[in-house]
Amino acid sequence: MYETPDPATIFYRGTGPGAKWDEILSGHGAYYSLGGRFNRPRLLAVYASPDPLVAISETAFYRARAWQEAIGMGLPPSREGEPPFVSEHLLWSFTLDSPRVVDVRDPVAVSVFGHRPVSLSNPGRDYRTTQDLADKIVTHPKPGPHSCGLKAPSVRSRGGPGYQPHQYVFFPGLSGLPGRLVKCWRLTLDFLDHLERPVQRDTREVSWERPQFRLSGSRSALPACADRPGDFDRKPGVWHRIDIRFA
């Protein structure tokens, strides 16, 4: 049921363009939010993954949802819902000091916490059952001082044959999650139409599931995820496509 990631594991997390390193492992981004898949408002939580495409997919999904909601609300042209749908973010990589987590897919964890496995991959945005699960994990007796999170399937990132992307959710204390910065890239997201053209005011349909992204701010390529079949290093300054699960 419990797992301790290798201390050499490099994790990735996407944030807004103004984030600072001393904020990345604090959990405050989730604390002041309306709640996420595994956290209620006012719960310190850090979402991260050893697969960089998971971090980028999560960032792109919530950016797309913000634009979709703005379009649905009919905001005026000078506001959020106006194309082109290009946004700027940061992609962070870092190591952590061996936090022990609960693998919520493990049969023992399913027995102990009583959750339905299907709830872990539910693509909807009603997060009550997974938030309830996180509450149980947070209050469950810990086997050690570094037990502070969970490992769960990634819902927004598509996998491949024999590969299920996953993410970690860490619940740091008030002092934050101990870790070390490895690298930070500027991340540009661009949502196109179905003919792979920039979205214009007269665009009728947006290809929300297949945006493109570009890295900058560092000469280093984004390393491939060793577990993802066919993955490859992604050079900065080049547009790359990504597939996101909405349903």
Protein backbone atom coordinates (compact mmCIF):
# COMPACT_ATOMS: atom_id res chain seq x y z
CA MET A 1 0.00 0.00 0.00
CA TYR A 2 2.88 2.35 0.80
CA GLU A 3 5.54 3.45 -1.66
CA THR A 4 8.66 5.56 -1.29
CA PRO A 5 9.85 7.13 -4.57
CA ASP A 6 13.55 6.90 -5.32
CA PRO A 7 15.25 10.09 -4.01
CA ALA A 8 16.76 10.56 -7.49
CA THR A 9 13.31 10.75 -9.10
CA ILE A 10 12.76 14.02 -10.92
CA PHE A 11 9.23 15.39 -10.57
CA TYR A 12 7.50 17.96 -12.77
CA ARG A 13 4.85 20.56 -12.05
CA GLY A 14 3.27 23.32 -14.15
CA THR A 15 2.39 26.72 -12.68
CA GLY A 16 1.44 30.22 -13.69
CA PRO A 17 4.11 32.50 -15.20
CA GLY A 18 4.70 34.50 -12.02
CA ALA A 19 5.44 31.62 -9.64
CA LYS A 20 8.68 31.59 -7.63
CA TRP A 21 10.71 28.55 -6.56
CA ASP A 22 10.03 29.11 -2.86
CA GLU A 23 6.29 28.76 -3.61
CA ILE A 24 6.40 25.59 -5.71
CA LEU A 25 6.54 23.06 -2.85
CA SER A 26 4.51 25.06 -0.33
CA GLY A 27 1.09 23.69 -1.31
CA HIS A 28 -0.45 27.15 -1.24
CA GLY A 29 -1.61 26.97 -4.86
CA ALA A 30 -4.07 24.22 -3.90
CA TYR A 31 -4.79 25.77 -0.49
CA TYR A 32 -6.26 28.95 -2.00
CA SER A 33 -8.03 27.19 -4.87
CA LEU A 34 -11.67 26.08 -5.09
CA GLY A 35 -10.47 22.52 -4.60
CA GLY A 36 -8.92 19.87 -6.83
CA ARG A 37 -9.25 16.16 -7.48
CA PHE A 38 -7.51 15.23 -4.22
CA ASN A 39 -7.80 18.38 -2.13
CA ARG A 40 -10.53 20.50 -0.67
CA PRO A 41 -10.03 24.25 -0.32
CA ARG A 42 -7.73 25.10 2.61
CA LEU A 43 -5.68 21.93 2.28
CA LEU A 44 -2.01 22.30 1.44
CA ALA A 45 -1.29 20.03 -1.53
CA VAL A 46 1.41 19.72 -4.19
CA TYR A 47 0.54 17.89 -7.43
CA ALA A 48 3.53 16.53 -9.37
CA SER A 49 4.52 13.68 -11.68
CA PRO A 50 7.73 11.98 -12.84
CA ASP A 51 6.25 12.13 -16.36
CA PRO A 52 6.55 15.71 -17.69
CA LEU A 53 3.68 15.16 -20.13
CA VAL A 54 1.38 14.58 -17.16
CA ALA A 55 2.30 17.97 -15.70
CA ILE A 56 1.86 19.68 -19.08
CA SER A 57 -1.46 17.90 -19.73
CA GLU A 58 -2.86 18.96 -16.35
CA THR A 59 -1.79 22.56 -16.95
CA ALA A 60 -3.30 22.56 -20.45
CA PHE A 61 -6.57 20.98 -19.30
CA TYR A 62 -7.28 23.62 -16.67
CA ARG A 63 -6.20 26.41 -19.03
CA ALA A 64 -8.62 25.06 -21.64
CA ARG A 65 -11.44 24.80 -19.08
CA ALA A 66 -10.91 28.45 -18.11
CA TRP A 67 -11.21 29.50 -21.76
CA GLN A 68 -14.25 27.28 -22.29
CA GLU A 69 -15.99 28.78 -19.28
CA ALA A 70 -15.14 32.31 -20.46
CA ILE A 71 -16.57 31.53 -23.91
CA GLY A 72 -19.72 30.11 -22.33
CA MET A 73 -20.16 33.20 -20.17
CA GLY A 74 -19.93 35.47 -23.23
CA LEU A 75 -17.18 37.72 -21.92
CA PRO A 76 -16.50 40.81 -24.08
CA PRO A 77 -13.70 40.74 -26.73
CA SER A 78 -11.16 42.44 -24.49
CA ARG A 79 -11.56 39.77 -21.84
CA GLU A 80 -10.51 36.17 -21.30
CA GLY A 81 -12.57 34.42 -23.99
CA GLU A 82 -10.97 36.10 -27.00
CA PRO A 83 -8.64 34.14 -29.35
CA PRO A 84 -5.91 33.29 -30.12
CA PHE A 85 -5.78 30.81 -27.26
CA VAL A 86 -2.12 31.12 -26.31
CA SER A 87 -0.96 31.22 -22.70
CA GLU A 88 2.32 31.39 -20.79
CA HIS A 89 3.27 29.14 -17.87
CA LEU A 90 6.29 27.68 -16.09
CA LEU A 91 7.33 24.03 -15.99
CA TRP A 92 9.39 23.11 -12.94
CA SER A 93 11.51 20.01 -12.30
CA PHE A 94 12.77 19.06 -8.85
CA THR A 95 13.73 16.20 -6.53
CA LEU A 96 12.16 15.46 -3.14
CA ASP A 97 13.39 14.04 0.15
CA SER A 98 11.85 10.56 -0.11
CA PRO A 99 8.24 11.20 0.97
CA ARG A 100 6.29 7.98 1.62
CA VAL A 101 2.89 7.84 -0.08
CA VAL A 102 -0.17 5.63 -0.36
CA ASP A 103 -0.65 4.00 -3.77
CA VAL A 104 -4.43 4.29 -3.98
CA ARG A 105 -4.58 1.68 -6.78
CA ASP A 106 -3.14 -1.03 -4.53
CA PRO A 107 -5.74 -3.64 -3.44
CA VAL A 108 -4.70 -3.20 0.19
CA ALA A 109 -5.34 0.56 -0.04
CA VAL A 110 -8.73 -0.10 -1.67
CA SER A 111 -9.60 -2.41 1.24
CA VAL A 112 -8.34 -0.02 3.93
CA PHE A 113 -9.92 3.17 2.59
CA GLY A 114 -13.00 1.65 0.94
CA HIS A 115 -12.94 3.64 -2.30
CA ARG A 116 -14.14 2.36 -5.67
CA PRO A 117 -11.23 1.96 -8.14
CA VAL A 118 -13.33 3.51 -10.95
CA SER A 119 -13.43 6.80 -9.01
CA LEU A 120 -9.69 7.20 -9.52
CA SER A 121 -10.02 7.54 -13.30
CA ASN A 122 -13.38 9.30 -13.50
CA PRO A 123 -12.91 12.10 -16.08
CA GLY A 124 -15.67 14.29 -14.60
CA ARG A 125 -14.95 17.30 -12.41
CA ASP A 126 -17.08 16.25 -9.46
CA TYR A 127 -14.26 15.48 -7.04
CA ARG A 128 -16.18 14.65 -3.87
CA THR A 129 -15.24 10.94 -3.72
CA THR A 130 -11.54 11.53 -4.37
CA GLN A 131 -11.48 14.45 -1.92
CA ASP A 132 -13.07 12.14 0.66
CA LEU A 133 -10.32 9.61 -0.06
CA ALA A 134 -7.61 12.26 0.44
CA ASP A 135 -9.20 13.25 3.77
CA LYS A 136 -8.99 9.61 4.93
CA ILE A 137 -5.34 9.36 3.91
CA VAL A 138 -4.42 12.63 5.64
CA THR A 139 -6.00 11.47 8.92
CA HIS A 140 -4.88 7.82 8.70
CA PRO A 141 -2.20 6.74 11.23
CA LYS A 142 1.17 7.18 9.55
CA PRO A 143 3.93 4.52 9.62
CA GLY A 144 6.60 7.21 9.69
CA PRO A 145 7.23 10.98 9.71
CA HIS A 146 7.65 11.16 5.94
CA SER A 147 4.24 9.65 5.04
CA CYS A 148 2.58 12.59 3.39
CA GLY A 149 0.74 11.89 0.17
CA LEU A 150 -0.74 9.55 -2.41
CA LYS A 151 -0.06 8.11 -5.84
CA ALA A 152 -2.96 7.94 -8.31
CA PRO A 153 -3.61 7.49 -12.04
CA SER A 154 -3.38 10.60 -14.18
CA VAL A 155 -6.81 11.31 -15.63
CA ARG A 156 -5.85 14.00 -18.17
CA SER A 157 -2.75 12.45 -19.74
CA ARG A 158 -3.10 9.67 -22.29
CA GLY A 159 -0.86 6.65 -21.88
CA GLY A 160 -0.04 3.80 -24.23
CA PRO A 161 0.14 0.02 -24.41
CA GLY A 162 1.05 -1.24 -20.95
CA TYR A 163 1.59 2.27 -19.59
CA GLN A 164 -0.69 4.12 -17.15
CA PRO A 165 0.49 7.69 -16.46
CA HIS A 166 0.28 8.65 -12.81
CA GLN A 167 0.72 11.62 -10.56
CA TYR A 168 1.60 12.18 -6.93
CA VAL A 169 -0.24 14.43 -4.51
CA PHE A 170 1.87 15.47 -1.52
CA PHE A 171 0.44 17.05 1.62
CA PRO A 172 3.25 19.18 3.06
CA GLY A 173 3.37 20.67 6.51
CA LEU A 174 3.43 24.39 7.17
CA SER A 175 7.16 24.45 6.41
CA GLY A 176 6.58 23.10 2.88
CA LEU A 177 7.82 20.00 1.12
CA PRO A 178 11.63 19.59 1.26
CA GLY A 179 13.12 19.41 -2.21
CA ARG A 180 15.70 20.79 -4.61
CA LEU A 181 15.19 22.63 -7.87
CA VAL A 182 16.59 20.91 -10.97
CA LYS A 183 15.40 23.12 -13.82
CA CYS A 184 12.66 25.51 -14.90
CA TRP A 185 11.36 26.16 -18.42
CA ARG A 186 8.96 28.72 -19.77
CA LEU A 187 6.00 26.79 -21.17
CA THR A 188 3.82 28.22 -23.94
CA LEU A 189 0.49 26.52 -24.71
CA ASP A 190 -1.37 27.09 -27.97
CA PHE A 191 -4.80 25.63 -28.81
CA LEU A 192 -5.48 25.29 -32.55
CA ASP A 193 -8.48 24.58 -34.76
CA HIS A 194 -9.06 21.14 -36.31
CA LEU A 195 -6.94 22.04 -39.33
CA GLU A 196 -4.02 22.88 -36.99
CA ARG A 197 -4.32 26.61 -37.61
CA PRO A 198 -4.30 29.38 -34.96
CA VAL A 199 -7.75 30.08 -33.59
CA GLN A 200 -9.34 33.25 -34.99
CA ARG A 201 -12.53 35.10 -34.14
CA ASP A 202 -14.36 33.25 -36.93
CA THR A 203 -13.08 29.78 -35.88
CA ARG A 204 -16.03 27.41 -35.44
CA GLU A 205 -14.38 24.60 -33.50
CA VAL A 206 -11.26 24.34 -31.37
CA SER A 207 -9.19 21.16 -31.11
CA TRP A 208 -9.17 21.24 -27.32
CA GLU A 209 -7.81 17.68 -27.09
CA ARG A 210 -4.60 18.35 -29.07
CA PRO A 211 -2.87 21.62 -28.18
CA GLN A 212 0.76 22.31 -28.93
CA PHE A 213 3.40 23.44 -26.47
CA ARG A 214 6.83 25.03 -26.71
CA LEU A 215 9.59 25.29 -24.12
CA SER A 216 12.01 28.18 -23.74
CA GLY A 217 14.16 29.85 -21.10
CA SER A 218 16.62 26.96 -20.96
CA ARG A 219 18.87 25.32 -23.53
CA SER A 220 18.23 21.90 -22.02
CA ALA A 221 15.77 19.53 -23.68
CA LEU A 222 12.87 18.14 -21.70
CA PRO A 223 13.91 14.53 -20.93
CA ALA A 224 11.79 11.64 -22.13
CA CYS A 225 9.87 9.63 -19.55
CA ALA A 226 11.56 6.22 -19.47
CA ASP A 227 8.27 4.44 -18.68
CA ARG A 228 6.24 6.02 -21.49
CA PRO A 229 6.46 3.89 -24.69
CA GLY A 230 8.04 5.74 -27.58
CA ASP A 231 8.71 8.91 -25.63
CA PHE A 232 11.56 11.20 -26.66
CA ASP A 233 13.49 14.27 -25.53
CA ARG A 234 11.77 17.52 -26.51
CA LYS A 235 14.01 20.35 -27.63
CA PRO A 236 13.28 23.93 -26.58
CA GLY A 237 12.10 26.37 -29.22
CA VAL A 238 10.15 23.66 -31.10
CA TRP A 239 6.38 23.14 -31.08
CA HIS A 240 5.24 19.73 -29.82
CA ARG A 241 1.73 18.28 -29.81
CA ILE A 242 0.10 16.70 -26.78
CA ASP A 243 -3.09 14.68 -26.30
CA ILE A 244 -5.38 15.55 -23.39
CA ARG A 245 -8.32 13.53 -22.01
CA PHE A 246 -11.44 15.60 -21.43
CA ALA A 247 -13.82 12.61 -21.15
